[in-house]
C-alpha atoms as a PDB file:
ATOM      1  CA  MET A   1     117.964 103.760 116.452  1.00  0.00           C
ATOM      2  CA  ARG A   2     114.723 102.955 114.628  1.00  0.00           C
ATOM      3  CA  HIS A   3     114.429  99.761 112.629  1.00  0.00           C
ATOM      4  CA  ALA A   4     111.952  99.214 109.867  1.00  0.00           C
ATOM      5  CA  ILE A   5     110.101  95.935 109.842  1.00  0.00           C
ATOM      6  CA  LEU A   6     109.133  94.661 106.409  1.00  0.00           C
ATOM      7  CA  LEU A   7     106.516  91.985 106.035  1.00  0.00           C
ATOM      8  CA  THR A   8     107.107  89.514 103.238  1.00  0.00           C
ATOM      9  CA  SER A   9     103.822  90.420 101.566  1.00  0.00           C
ATOM     10  CA  GLU A  10     104.929  94.068 101.350  1.00  0.00           C
ATOM     11  CA  VAL A  11     108.214  93.340  99.576  1.00  0.00           C
ATOM     12  CA  ASN A  12     108.146  93.291  95.811  1.00  0.00           C
ATOM     13  CA  VAL A  13     110.991  90.977  94.802  1.00  0.00           C
ATOM     14  CA  LEU A  14     112.360  91.316  91.282  1.00  0.00           C
ATOM     15  CA  GLN A  15     112.375  87.820  89.812  1.00  0.00           C
ATOM     16  CA  ILE A  16     115.086  87.008  87.229  1.00  0.00           C
ATOM     17  CA  ILE A  17     113.887  84.792  84.358  1.00  0.00           C
ATOM     18  CA  VAL A  18     115.974  83.575  81.412  1.00  0.00           C
ATOM     19  CA  ASN A  19     114.853  81.975  78.189  1.00  0.00           C
ATOM     20  CA  CYS A  20     116.567  80.762  75.059  1.00  0.00           C
ATOM     21  CA  PHE A  21     115.699  81.185  71.366  1.00  0.00           C
ATOM     22  CA  VAL A  22     117.165  78.148  69.591  1.00  0.00           C
ATOM     23  CA  PRO A  23     116.866  77.497  65.857  1.00  0.00           C
ATOM     24  CA  TRP A  24     116.351  73.780  65.206  1.00  0.00           C
ATOM     25  CA  GLN A  25     115.244  71.816  62.125  1.00  0.00           C
ATOM     26  CA  GLU A  26     113.748  74.654  60.037  1.00  0.00           C
ATOM     27  CA  GLY A  27     112.154  76.375  63.021  1.00  0.00           C
ATOM     28  CA  VAL A  28     112.539  77.420  66.648  1.00  0.00           C
ATOM     29  CA  VAL A  29     112.144  75.214  69.744  1.00  0.00           C
ATOM     30  CA  MET A  30     109.141  76.326  71.806  1.00  0.00           C
ATOM     31  CA  LEU A  31     107.162  75.011  74.752  1.00  0.00           C
ATOM     32  CA  GLN A  32     103.369  75.120  75.102  1.00  0.00           C
ATOM     33  CA  LYS A  33     102.355  75.416  78.742  1.00  0.00           C
ATOM     34  CA  PRO A  34      98.946  73.976  79.639  1.00  0.00           C
ATOM     35  CA  ARG A  35      97.699  76.801  81.911  1.00  0.00           C
ATOM     36  CA  HIS A  36      96.641  79.153  79.082  1.00  0.00           C
ATOM     37  CA  GLY A  37      97.805  77.024  76.146  1.00  0.00           C
ATOM     38  CA  TRP A  38     100.372  79.756  75.415  1.00  0.00           C
ATOM     39  CA  TRP A  39     103.717  79.110  73.731  1.00  0.00           C
ATOM     40  CA  TYR A  40     107.030  80.225  75.267  1.00  0.00           C
ATOM     41  CA  LEU A  41     110.734  79.883  74.637  1.00  0.00           C
ATOM     42  CA  PRO A  42     112.166  77.273  77.034  1.00  0.00           C
ATOM     43  CA  GLY A  43     113.554  78.901  80.151  1.00  0.00           C
ATOM     44  CA  GLY A  44     113.077  79.520  83.826  1.00  0.00           C
ATOM     45  CA  LYS A  45     114.455  81.045  86.996  1.00  0.00           C
ATOM     46  CA  VAL A  46     118.094  81.847  87.666  1.00  0.00           C
ATOM     47  CA  GLU A  47     119.533  80.087  90.713  1.00  0.00           C
ATOM     48  CA  ASP A  48     121.195  82.308  93.342  1.00  0.00           C
ATOM     49  CA  ASP A  49     124.762  81.289  92.463  1.00  0.00           C
ATOM     50  CA  GLU A  50     124.244  81.023  88.696  1.00  0.00           C
ATOM     51  CA  LEU A  51     125.300  83.270  85.818  1.00  0.00           C
ATOM     52  CA  TRP A  52     122.407  84.204  83.543  1.00  0.00           C
ATOM     53  CA  ARG A  53     123.900  82.662  80.388  1.00  0.00           C
ATOM     54  CA  HIS A  54     124.537  79.372  82.182  1.00  0.00           C
ATOM     55  CA  ALA A  55     121.009  79.426  83.588  1.00  0.00           C
ATOM     56  CA  ALA A  56     119.528  79.941  80.110  1.00  0.00           C
ATOM     57  CA  MET A  57     121.528  77.017  78.726  1.00  0.00           C
ATOM     58  CA  ARG A  58     120.676  74.791  81.724  1.00  0.00           C
ATOM     59  CA  GLU A  59     116.959  75.577  81.600  1.00  0.00           C
ATOM     60  CA  PHE A  60     116.831  75.032  77.835  1.00  0.00           C
ATOM     61  CA  THR A  61     118.561  71.646  78.146  1.00  0.00           C
ATOM     62  CA  GLU A  62     116.380  70.542  81.070  1.00  0.00           C
ATOM     63  CA  GLU A  63     113.172  71.351  79.201  1.00  0.00           C
ATOM     64  CA  SER A  64     114.109  70.406  75.632  1.00  0.00           C
ATOM     65  CA  GLY A  65     116.643  67.581  75.978  1.00  0.00           C
ATOM     66  CA  LEU A  66     118.973  69.405  73.553  1.00  0.00           C
ATOM     67  CA  GLU A  67     122.411  70.535  74.683  1.00  0.00           C
ATOM     68  CA  LEU A  68     123.825  73.893  73.599  1.00  0.00           C
ATOM     69  CA  ALA A  69     127.415  74.807  72.802  1.00  0.00           C
ATOM     70  CA  ASP A  70     126.850  78.467  73.674  1.00  0.00           C
ATOM     71  CA  ALA A  71     124.294  81.247  74.153  1.00  0.00           C
ATOM     72  CA  THR A  72     124.517  84.998  73.573  1.00  0.00           C
ATOM     73  CA  LEU A  73     122.382  87.735  75.066  1.00  0.00           C
ATOM     74  CA  SER A  74     119.681  89.119  72.754  1.00  0.00           C
ATOM     75  CA  GLY A  75     117.473  91.153  75.096  1.00  0.00           C
ATOM     76  CA  ILE A  76     116.728  92.364  78.614  1.00  0.00           C
ATOM     77  CA  TYR A  77     113.128  93.197  79.450  1.00  0.00           C
ATOM     78  CA  ARG A  78     111.446  94.473  82.608  1.00  0.00           C
ATOM     79  CA  VAL A  79     107.886  93.230  83.095  1.00  0.00           C
ATOM     80  CA  ARG A  80     105.372  94.634  85.600  1.00  0.00           C
ATOM     81  CA  VAL A  81     102.050  92.996  86.357  1.00  0.00           C
ATOM     82  CA  ALA A  82      99.611  95.119  88.364  1.00  0.00           C
ATOM     83  CA  ALA A  83      98.287  93.955  91.705  1.00  0.00           C
ATOM     84  CA  GLY A  84      95.046  92.021  91.618  1.00  0.00           C
ATOM     85  CA  VAL A  85      92.365  91.450  94.209  1.00  0.00           C
ATOM     86  CA  ASP A  86      94.251  88.470  95.647  1.00  0.00           C
ATOM     87  CA  SER A  87      97.753  89.066  94.300  1.00  0.00           C
ATOM     88  CA  PRO A  88     100.477  91.669  94.826  1.00  0.00           C
ATOM     89  CA  GLU A  89     102.166  93.566  92.000  1.00  0.00           C
ATOM     90  CA  LYS A  90     104.793  91.387  90.315  1.00  0.00           C
ATOM     91  CA  GLU A  91     108.018  92.471  88.678  1.00  0.00           C
ATOM     92  CA  ARG A  92     110.378  90.320  86.718  1.00  0.00           C
ATOM     93  CA  LEU A  93     113.400  90.788  84.549  1.00  0.00           C
ATOM     94  CA  ILE A  94     113.579  88.566  81.485  1.00  0.00           C
ATOM     95  CA  ALA A  95     116.973  87.957  79.896  1.00  0.00           C
ATOM     96  CA  GLN A  96     116.562  86.410  76.469  1.00  0.00           C
ATOM     97  CA  PHE A  97     119.417  84.520  74.812  1.00  0.00           C
ATOM     98  CA  ILE A  98     120.073  82.968  71.409  1.00  0.00           C
ATOM     99  CA  GLY A  99     121.420  79.440  71.762  1.00  0.00           C
ATOM    100  CA  SER A 100     123.845  77.933  69.284  1.00  0.00           C
ATOM    101  CA  GLY A 101     125.332  74.521  68.545  1.00  0.00           C
ATOM    102  CA  ALA A 102     122.238  72.561  69.606  1.00  0.00           C
ATOM    103  CA  ARG A 103     122.645  68.798  69.521  1.00  0.00           C
ATOM    104  CA  GLY A 104     120.772  65.777  70.786  1.00  0.00           C
ATOM    105  CA  GLU A 105     117.187  64.605  70.554  1.00  0.00           C
ATOM    106  CA  LEU A 106     114.304  66.992  71.218  1.00  0.00           C
ATOM    107  CA  HIS A 107     111.863  65.880  73.919  1.00  0.00           C
ATOM    108  CA  HIS A 108     108.200  65.899  72.918  1.00  0.00           C
ATOM    109  CA  GLU A 109     107.033  66.639  76.453  1.00  0.00           C
ATOM    110  CA  HIS A 110     108.361  68.014  79.712  1.00  0.00           C
ATOM    111  CA  ARG A 111     106.634  68.534  83.056  1.00  0.00           C
ATOM    112  CA  GLU A 112     106.242  72.212  82.002  1.00  0.00           C
ATOM    113  CA  GLY A 113     104.350  71.320  78.806  1.00  0.00           C
ATOM    114  CA  LYS A 114     104.568  70.167  75.196  1.00  0.00           C
ATOM    115  CA  LEU A 115     107.668  70.908  73.067  1.00  0.00           C
ATOM    116  CA  ALA A 116     107.654  71.498  69.324  1.00  0.00           C
ATOM    117  CA  VAL A 117     109.639  73.046  66.520  1.00  0.00           C
ATOM    118  CA  VAL A 118     107.663  76.104  65.445  1.00  0.00           C
ATOM    119  CA  THR A 119     108.160  77.753  62.069  1.00  0.00           C
ATOM    120  CA  THR A 120     109.042  81.419  62.120  1.00  0.00           C
ATOM    121  CA  ALA A 121     105.779  82.245  60.303  1.00  0.00           C
ATOM    122  CA  ASP A 122     103.788  80.418  63.028  1.00  0.00           C
ATOM    123  CA  ILE A 123     105.228  82.719  65.709  1.00  0.00           C
ATOM    124  CA  LEU A 124     102.901  85.434  64.401  1.00  0.00           C
ATOM    125  CA  HIS A 125      99.785  83.334  65.023  1.00  0.00           C
ATOM    126  CA  LEU A 126     100.445  81.005  67.968  1.00  0.00           C
ATOM    127  CA  PRO A 127      98.598  81.658  71.207  1.00  0.00           C
ATOM    128  CA  MET A 128     101.189  83.642  73.187  1.00  0.00           C
ATOM    129  CA  ASP A 129     101.525  86.392  75.708  1.00  0.00           C
ATOM    130  CA  GLU A 130     101.780  89.468  73.453  1.00  0.00           C
ATOM    131  CA  GLY A 131     104.855  90.788  75.254  1.00  0.00           C
ATOM    132  CA  ASP A 132     106.614  87.452  74.765  1.00  0.00           C
ATOM    133  CA  ARG A 133     105.631  87.506  71.094  1.00  0.00           C
ATOM    134  CA  LEU A 134     107.230  90.944  70.685  1.00  0.00           C
ATOM    135  CA  MET A 135     110.407  89.809  72.439  1.00  0.00           C
ATOM    136  CA  VAL A 136     110.645  86.694  70.253  1.00  0.00           C
ATOM    137  CA  ARG A 137     109.935  88.653  67.071  1.00  0.00           C
ATOM    138  CA  HIS A 138     112.730  91.118  67.847  1.00  0.00           C
ATOM    139  CA  THR A 139     115.173  88.281  68.538  1.00  0.00           C
ATOM    140  CA  LEU A 140     114.037  86.485  65.369  1.00  0.00           C
ATOM    141  CA  ALA A 141     114.519  89.628  63.251  1.00  0.00           C
ATOM    142  CA  ALA A 142     118.035  90.152  64.629  1.00  0.00           C
ATOM    143  CA  TYR A 143     118.855  86.465  64.106  1.00  0.00           C
ATOM    144  CA  GLN A 144     117.607  86.528  60.496  1.00  0.00           C
ATOM    145  CA  ARG A 145     119.625  89.661  59.776  1.00  0.00           C
ATOM    146  CA  LYS A 146     122.708  88.243  61.545  1.00  0.00           C
ATOM    147  CA  ASP A 147     122.599  91.383  63.685  1.00  0.00           C
ATOM    148  CA  LYS A 148     124.278  91.194  67.110  1.00  0.00           C
ATOM    149  CA  ASN A 149     121.866  93.784  68.526  1.00  0.00           C
ATOM    150  CA  VAL A 150     120.787  93.510  72.184  1.00  0.00           C
ATOM    151  CA  PHE A 151     117.262  94.811  72.853  1.00  0.00           C
ATOM    152  CA  PHE A 152     116.127  96.604  75.996  1.00  0.00           C
ATOM    153  CA  GLY A 153     112.477  96.923  76.854  1.00  0.00           C
ATOM    154  CA  ARG A 154     109.695  97.283  79.357  1.00  0.00           C
ATOM    155  CA  PHE A 155     106.174  95.896  79.475  1.00  0.00           C
ATOM    156  CA  SER A 156     103.277  96.568  81.815  1.00  0.00           C
ATOM    157  CA  TYR A 157     100.191  94.419  82.286  1.00  0.00           C
ATOM    158  CA  THR A 158      96.920  94.429  84.147  1.00  0.00           C
ATOM    159  CA  ALA A 159      96.472  91.837  86.897  1.00  0.00           C
ATOM    160  CA  ASP A 160      94.759  89.538  84.381  1.00  0.00           C
ATOM    161  CA  GLN A 161      97.698  89.616  81.917  1.00  0.00           C
ATOM    162  CA  GLN A 162      96.341  92.192  79.445  1.00  0.00           C
ATOM    163  CA  MET A 163      99.209  94.279  78.089  1.00  0.00           C
ATOM    164  CA  LEU A 164      98.823  97.985  78.869  1.00  0.00           C
ATOM    165  CA  ASP A 165     101.925  99.382  77.180  1.00  0.00           C
ATOM    166  CA  TRP A 166     105.395  98.480  76.045  1.00  0.00           C
ATOM    167  CA  GLU A 167     108.593  99.887  74.645  1.00  0.00           C
ATOM    168  CA  ILE A 168     111.623  98.214  73.052  1.00  0.00           C
ATOM    169  CA  GLU A 169     114.886  99.875  72.048  1.00  0.00           C
ATOM    170  CA  PRO A 170     116.088 100.323  69.439  1.00  0.00           C
ATOM    171  CA  HIS A 171     112.731 101.767  68.405  1.00  0.00           C
ATOM    172  CA  ASN A 172     111.139 100.703  65.091  1.00  0.00           C
ATOM    173  CA  TYR A 173     113.553  97.784  64.699  1.00  0.00           C
ATOM    174  CA  LEU A 174     110.905  95.496  63.232  1.00  0.00           C
ATOM    175  CA  HIS A 175     109.830  98.152  60.720  1.00  0.00           C
ATOM    176  CA  SER A 176     113.387  98.540  59.468  1.00  0.00           C
ATOM    177  CA  ALA A 177     114.055  94.799  59.219  1.00  0.00           C
ATOM    178  CA  GLN A 178     113.454  92.984  55.952  1.00  0.00           C
ATOM    179  CA  THR A 179     111.944  89.990  57.755  1.00  0.00           C
ATOM    180  CA  LEU A 180     108.645  88.275  58.241  1.00  0.00           C
ATOM    181  CA  SER A 181     107.336  91.320  60.140  1.00  0.00           C
ATOM    182  CA  ASP A 182     107.322  93.390  56.936  1.00  0.00           C
ATOM    183  CA  SER A 183     104.461  91.351  55.525  1.00  0.00           C
ATOM    184  CA  GLU A 184     102.376  91.793  58.664  1.00  0.00           C
ATOM    185  CA  GLY A 185     102.302  95.593  58.907  1.00  0.00           C
ATOM    186  CA  ASP A 186     103.023  95.235  62.599  1.00  0.00           C
ATOM    187  CA  ASP A 187     102.719  97.973  65.137  1.00  0.00           C
ATOM    188  CA  ALA A 188     106.171  97.704  66.662  1.00  0.00           C
ATOM    189  CA  ARG A 189     107.359 100.889  68.299  1.00  0.00           C
END
């Protein structure tokens, strides 16, 4: 019998990431990471024995200091980053949740970066990964409309994090929403 030998560098492992959109004090809790100065929803990796919802709540609490009563799924997104000169292709699955029942005192800083309450209008202009901005805008639109929709999407990037293409279902959701995206004339698909 023949056995295949796989070298670790040849295996493309799908990384599972969770993050949590949490309304708090007239805005949304976000984290600015120092590497690019980009803003993100608090989140991180799912532990091997952990359910995704629990991981999202744990990561949010660890980074923000706020505890959540619950979290519901708002989107699942597959992200591919092309191989670079010194890096292999990367694939990750991002599960985005909406947290509810937040209580406690918001940290101003965490080892991951600076925390702040960001207004929904600021989300359009903050320095962010454009794929993350689209994910957050879809979740924000559904939250504002009190819509229980779960989004599914895919994003592909160059090795230096330039977005090549993307798709989110349901299509044209931002165009149909009477939310902050209407005033921007966005190019959501």
